[in-house]
Amino acid sequence: MAIAFDDGIKQEIWETIRAINDAWTKGNPDDLANYFHENMVAITPAEHERIVGRDACVAGWKGFAQAAKIHSWKEVSPLIERYGDTAVVTYYYEMSCDLGGRTRNLAGRDMLVLVKEQGKWWAVADQFSPYPG
């Protein structure tokens, strides 16, 4: 079921998030370059150091997508807060995939920061993690 927002700008932001997630879960992870800002930074549970730059971030997401056979991906309870041409998007996720020879059901939370430049929303920061405990 698609999530809809009453605010047109929030809907545009959400469609960007959905395009990002579709690119790495169902499509071509290289397409993330169309959504990740050249100066994007990410903090992930799999890396000790932050990931810096569009190319490094695309490579990280692509590496996961190539290592896993993704069966399903779902965003739950998104919240979008706008601050001018900046947006903070949080949601919970549920995912099923084959990874490391096992089927895994993963769940957690994600927070992305987007900025609008030249008429387009770009992801500039991402931090995601599984639920604690």
Protein backbone atom coordinates (compact mmCIF):
# COMPACT_ATOMS: atom_id res chain seq x y z
CA MET A 1 0.00 0.00 0.00
CA ALA A 2 1.43 3.36 -0.99
CA ILE A 3 1.88 6.04 1.65
CA ALA A 4 0.41 9.44 0.79
CA PHE A 5 0.93 12.83 2.38
CA ASP A 6 -1.54 15.73 2.28
CA ASP A 7 1.33 18.19 1.79
CA GLY A 8 2.54 18.18 -1.84
CA ILE A 9 6.15 18.95 -0.92
CA LYS A 10 6.22 16.17 1.67
CA GLN A 11 4.80 13.83 -0.97
CA GLU A 12 7.62 14.86 -3.35
CA ILE A 13 10.18 14.16 -0.61
CA TRP A 14 8.58 10.77 0.13
CA GLU A 15 8.64 9.85 -3.56
CA THR A 16 12.38 10.57 -3.52
CA ILE A 17 12.84 8.25 -0.54
CA ARG A 18 10.80 5.55 -2.28
CA ALA A 19 12.88 5.93 -5.47
CA ILE A 20 16.08 5.58 -3.41
CA ASN A 21 14.82 2.40 -1.73
CA ASP A 22 13.46 0.93 -4.95
CA ALA A 23 16.83 1.52 -6.64
CA TRP A 24 18.77 -0.67 -4.24
CA THR A 25 16.05 -3.19 -3.27
CA LYS A 26 14.42 -3.84 -6.67
CA GLY A 27 16.21 -1.99 -9.41
CA ASN A 28 19.72 -0.91 -10.26
CA PRO A 29 21.77 0.32 -7.27
CA ASP A 30 23.86 2.46 -9.64
CA ASP A 31 20.74 4.63 -10.00
CA LEU A 32 21.37 5.85 -6.44
CA ALA A 33 23.81 8.32 -7.98
CA ASN A 34 20.70 10.17 -9.20
CA TYR A 35 19.55 10.70 -5.59
CA PHE A 36 22.71 10.82 -3.45
CA HIS A 37 24.33 14.25 -3.16
CA GLU A 38 27.98 14.37 -4.22
CA ASN A 39 28.90 15.16 -0.58
CA MET A 40 26.62 12.56 1.02
CA VAL A 41 27.70 10.99 4.30
CA ALA A 42 26.34 7.82 5.89
CA ILE A 43 26.69 5.99 9.17
CA THR A 44 25.77 2.32 8.98
CA PRO A 45 25.80 -0.53 11.48
CA ALA A 46 28.23 -2.49 9.27
CA GLU A 47 31.01 0.11 9.09
CA HIS A 48 33.11 1.53 11.93
CA GLU A 49 33.93 4.69 9.97
CA ARG A 50 31.41 6.95 8.27
CA ILE A 51 31.03 6.61 4.51
CA VAL A 52 31.80 9.86 2.71
CA GLY A 53 30.82 10.93 -0.81
CA ARG A 54 28.30 9.84 -3.42
CA ASP A 55 30.53 7.21 -5.01
CA ALA A 56 31.39 5.55 -1.69
CA CYS A 57 27.75 5.54 -0.59
CA VAL A 58 26.52 4.09 -3.89
CA ALA A 59 29.23 1.40 -3.64
CA GLY A 60 28.13 0.51 -0.11
CA TRP A 61 24.46 0.11 -1.00
CA LYS A 62 25.38 -1.71 -4.22
CA GLY A 63 27.62 -4.11 -2.31
CA PHE A 64 24.78 -5.06 0.02
CA ALA A 65 22.30 -5.42 -2.84
CA GLN A 66 24.72 -7.72 -4.66
CA ALA A 67 25.46 -9.82 -1.54
CA ALA A 68 21.81 -10.29 -0.61
CA LYS A 69 18.82 -11.62 -2.48
CA ILE A 70 16.14 -9.21 -1.32
CA HIS A 71 12.67 -10.75 -1.06
CA SER A 72 10.80 -7.81 0.44
CA TRP A 73 11.30 -4.26 1.71
CA LYS A 74 8.74 -2.10 3.49
CA GLU A 75 8.83 1.36 5.07
CA VAL A 76 6.61 1.83 8.11
CA SER A 77 5.32 5.00 9.82
CA PRO A 78 7.29 7.65 7.93
CA LEU A 79 7.68 11.10 9.43
CA ILE A 80 8.88 14.06 7.37
CA GLU A 81 9.92 17.35 8.95
CA ARG A 82 10.79 20.27 6.67
CA TYR A 83 13.09 23.16 7.46
CA GLY A 84 13.08 25.34 4.35
CA ASP A 85 15.02 23.48 1.66
CA THR A 86 16.07 20.77 4.13
CA ALA A 87 14.04 17.74 5.20
CA VAL A 88 14.59 15.10 7.84
CA VAL A 89 12.86 11.82 7.04
CA THR A 90 12.53 9.00 9.55
CA TYR A 91 10.78 5.67 9.19
CA TYR A 92 11.00 2.08 10.35
CA TYR A 93 11.82 -0.70 7.91
CA GLU A 94 11.11 -4.39 7.52
CA MET A 95 13.12 -6.50 5.13
CA SER A 96 13.44 -10.16 4.20
CA CYS A 97 16.52 -11.35 2.33
CA ASP A 98 18.89 -14.23 1.81
CA LEU A 99 22.29 -13.25 3.15
CA GLY A 100 25.23 -15.43 4.08
CA GLY A 101 23.39 -18.59 3.12
CA ARG A 102 20.42 -17.86 5.41
CA THR A 103 17.06 -16.18 5.06
CA ARG A 104 16.99 -13.20 7.39
CA ASN A 105 14.17 -10.98 8.53
CA LEU A 106 15.66 -7.59 9.35
CA ALA A 107 13.96 -4.60 10.92
CA GLY A 108 15.13 -1.25 12.16
CA ARG A 109 14.98 2.48 11.71
CA ASP A 110 16.33 4.89 9.15
CA MET A 111 16.91 8.64 9.18
CA LEU A 112 17.81 10.58 6.05
CA VAL A 113 18.49 14.26 5.58
CA LEU A 114 17.64 15.73 2.18
CA VAL A 115 18.32 19.15 0.70
CA LYS A 116 16.68 20.74 -2.30
CA GLU A 117 19.20 22.02 -4.83
CA GLN A 118 18.44 23.06 -8.40
CA GLY A 119 14.82 21.98 -8.04
CA LYS A 120 15.59 18.44 -6.85
CA TRP A 121 15.71 16.70 -3.48
CA TRP A 122 19.09 15.05 -2.73
CA ALA A 123 20.01 12.71 0.13
CA VAL A 124 22.92 14.31 1.98
CA ALA A 125 23.02 12.11 5.09
CA ASP A 126 21.75 8.70 6.16
CA GLN A 127 21.97 6.82 9.42
CA PHE A 128 20.23 3.50 9.87
CA SER A 129 20.37 0.75 12.41
CA PRO A 130 18.55 -2.33 13.58
CA TYR A 131 16.31 -2.01 16.60
CA PRO A 132 18.25 -2.09 19.88
CA GLY A 133 18.54 -5.28 21.86
